[in-house]
Protein backbone atom coordinates (compact mmCIF):
# COMPACT_ATOMS: atom_id res chain seq x y z
CA MET A 1 -19.95 -83.07 0.39
CA SER A 2 -21.16 -84.42 4.05
CA SER A 3 -24.41 -83.84 3.54
CA THR A 4 -27.10 -85.73 1.94
CA LEU A 5 -27.59 -84.90 -1.40
CA THR A 6 -31.64 -84.05 -1.72
CA PRO A 7 -33.29 -83.50 -5.23
CA GLU A 8 -33.13 -79.69 -3.91
CA ARG A 9 -29.32 -79.65 -3.60
CA VAL A 10 -28.89 -81.91 -6.29
CA GLU A 11 -30.84 -78.98 -8.29
CA LEU A 12 -29.03 -76.53 -6.89
CA GLY A 13 -25.67 -77.58 -7.97
CA LYS A 14 -27.10 -77.74 -11.86
CA PHE A 15 -28.49 -74.13 -11.07
CA PHE A 16 -25.05 -72.98 -10.11
CA LYS A 17 -23.51 -74.82 -13.00
CA VAL A 18 -26.09 -73.02 -15.46
CA SER A 19 -25.59 -69.64 -13.90
CA ALA A 20 -21.78 -70.02 -14.16
CA ARG A 21 -22.42 -70.66 -17.81
CA GLN A 22 -24.67 -67.59 -18.08
CA PHE A 23 -21.66 -65.42 -16.22
CA GLU A 24 -19.21 -66.45 -18.71
CA ALA A 25 -21.64 -65.57 -21.53
CA GLY A 26 -22.50 -62.26 -20.43
CA HIS A 27 -26.12 -62.87 -20.06
CA ILE A 28 -28.30 -61.60 -16.85
CA ALA A 29 -28.17 -63.20 -13.73
CA PRO A 30 -30.24 -66.48 -13.90
CA GLU A 31 -33.59 -66.07 -11.89
CA MET A 32 -34.31 -68.44 -8.70
CA PHE A 33 -38.18 -69.24 -8.87
CA SER A 34 -38.17 -72.40 -6.83
CA THR A 35 -39.14 -72.04 -3.20
CA ALA A 36 -37.94 -75.25 -2.77
CA ILE A 37 -34.46 -75.02 -4.05
CA ASP A 38 -33.92 -71.15 -3.12
CA ALA A 39 -35.02 -72.47 0.95
CA GLU A 40 -32.04 -75.20 0.62
CA TRP A 41 -29.53 -72.58 -0.73
CA HIS A 42 -30.20 -70.47 2.20
CA ARG A 43 -29.53 -73.54 4.53
CA LEU A 44 -26.56 -74.34 2.35
CA MET A 45 -24.97 -70.75 2.69
CA GLU A 46 -24.78 -70.83 6.45
CA THR A 47 -22.90 -73.84 6.56
CA PRO A 48 -18.86 -74.46 6.13
CA GLU A 49 -19.27 -76.46 3.17
CA TYR A 50 -20.76 -73.37 1.20
CA ALA A 51 -17.64 -72.62 -0.83
CA ALA A 52 -16.67 -76.23 -1.52
CA PHE A 53 -20.08 -76.56 -3.22
CA CYS A 54 -19.52 -73.52 -4.60
CA ALA A 55 -16.11 -74.52 -6.27
CA GLU A 56 -17.63 -77.67 -7.17
CA HIS A 57 -20.44 -76.70 -8.94
CA ALA A 58 -19.94 -73.62 -10.37
CA GLY A 59 -16.33 -73.11 -10.56
CA GLN A 60 -16.26 -70.09 -8.17
CA ALA A 61 -17.59 -68.33 -5.33
CA ILE A 62 -21.77 -67.46 -5.84
CA GLY A 63 -23.13 -64.97 -3.87
CA HIS A 64 -26.55 -64.06 -3.19
CA SER A 65 -28.60 -61.08 -4.69
CA ARG A 66 -32.51 -60.10 -3.68
CA ALA A 67 -33.72 -59.56 -7.29
CA LYS A 68 -37.36 -59.64 -7.42
CA GLY A 69 -38.79 -59.99 -10.49
CA ALA A 70 -41.78 -62.11 -12.89
CA GLY A 71 -41.98 -63.03 -16.20
CA GLU A 72 -40.42 -65.70 -18.74
CA ILE A 73 -37.16 -67.89 -16.81
CA SER A 74 -34.57 -67.02 -18.75
CA TRP A 75 -31.96 -69.98 -18.66
CA ILE A 76 -34.40 -72.70 -19.24
CA SER A 77 -32.81 -73.59 -22.62
CA ALA A 78 -29.31 -73.64 -21.02
CA TYR A 79 -30.76 -76.03 -18.32
CA GLU A 80 -31.99 -78.29 -21.20
CA GLU A 81 -28.85 -78.16 -23.00
CA MET A 82 -27.24 -79.16 -20.00
CA PHE A 83 -29.45 -81.52 -17.91
CA GLY A 84 -32.58 -82.18 -19.84
CA PRO A 85 -36.00 -81.17 -18.87
CA LEU A 86 -36.54 -79.58 -15.46
CA PRO A 87 -37.55 -82.20 -12.95
CA LYS A 88 -40.70 -81.12 -11.01
CA ILE A 89 -38.70 -80.12 -8.04
CA TRP A 90 -38.52 -76.67 -9.24
CA PHE A 91 -42.21 -76.64 -9.26
CA THR A 92 -42.35 -77.68 -5.78
CA ASP A 93 -42.85 -75.12 -2.56
CA GLU A 94 -40.73 -75.20 0.66
CA ASP A 95 -43.83 -77.68 2.11
CA GLY A 96 -43.55 -80.08 -0.48
CA GLN A 97 -46.59 -78.97 -2.63
CA VAL A 98 -45.93 -79.09 -6.35
CA ASP A 99 -47.68 -76.31 -8.72
CA GLU A 100 -49.21 -78.86 -11.22
CA ARG A 101 -50.61 -75.89 -13.23
CA ALA A 102 -46.94 -74.55 -13.89
CA LEU A 103 -45.47 -78.16 -14.16
CA ALA A 104 -48.01 -78.92 -16.62
CA GLY A 105 -47.16 -75.33 -18.65
CA TYR A 106 -43.61 -76.06 -18.50
CA ARG A 107 -44.28 -79.57 -20.12
CA GLU A 108 -46.48 -78.30 -22.72
CA SER A 109 -44.18 -75.36 -23.75
CA GLY A 110 -40.96 -75.79 -22.34
CA VAL A 111 -41.18 -72.20 -21.01
CA VAL A 112 -41.66 -71.33 -17.33
CA VAL A 113 -43.32 -67.76 -16.47
CA ALA A 114 -42.89 -67.45 -12.66
CA GLU A 115 -42.17 -64.74 -10.09
CA TRP A 116 -38.72 -65.13 -8.13
CA ASP A 117 -36.86 -62.60 -5.24
CA CYS A 118 -33.36 -63.34 -5.75
CA SER A 119 -30.46 -64.70 -8.43
CA PRO A 120 -26.70 -65.52 -7.71
CA ILE A 121 -24.33 -63.25 -8.65
CA PRO A 122 -20.65 -64.30 -9.32
CA GLY A 123 -18.10 -63.71 -6.35
CA ASP A 124 -19.09 -64.73 -2.36
CA GLY A 125 -20.71 -61.19 -1.97
CA GLY A 126 -23.71 -61.82 -0.07
CA ASP A 127 -27.19 -59.98 -0.22
CA LEU A 128 -27.16 -56.62 -1.83
CA ALA A 129 -27.84 -53.43 0.15
CA PRO A 130 -31.65 -52.92 -0.76
CA GLU A 131 -31.34 -49.67 -2.93
CA GLN A 132 -28.73 -51.94 -5.06
CA GLU A 133 -32.14 -54.43 -5.50
CA LYS A 134 -33.23 -54.68 -8.96
CA ALA A 135 -36.19 -55.08 -10.14
CA LEU A 136 -37.13 -57.11 -13.43
CA VAL A 137 -40.42 -57.50 -15.16
CA ARG A 138 -40.40 -59.48 -18.58
């Protein structure tokens, strides 16, 4: 990859690996709860290198789907099995501000409860039409 590997891009690659594992196991689409990592995802989707990034990290094309919800994030244990604890960047917004309360809650309990507005989908499809959006609360 020609781009600098920012912490956001590194974590997006890990998220794609977890997503591919979740898809293969028949689990629901992982929730993207980090605004910082989601912003990097949106930037990367607009580049010619996106397809190669998906292939490298997920072994398949990864599309983007609007999917609003709130609740416990379903894929944390899969991430921890593969990579260890979530780093602070997952609790950082687009402006670099860390949600210290959410980070502390995760570090104490191992659980992340958050809101999200998108999820990956297998394939190269982009956003779904609004009538196809899913709204989940767990």
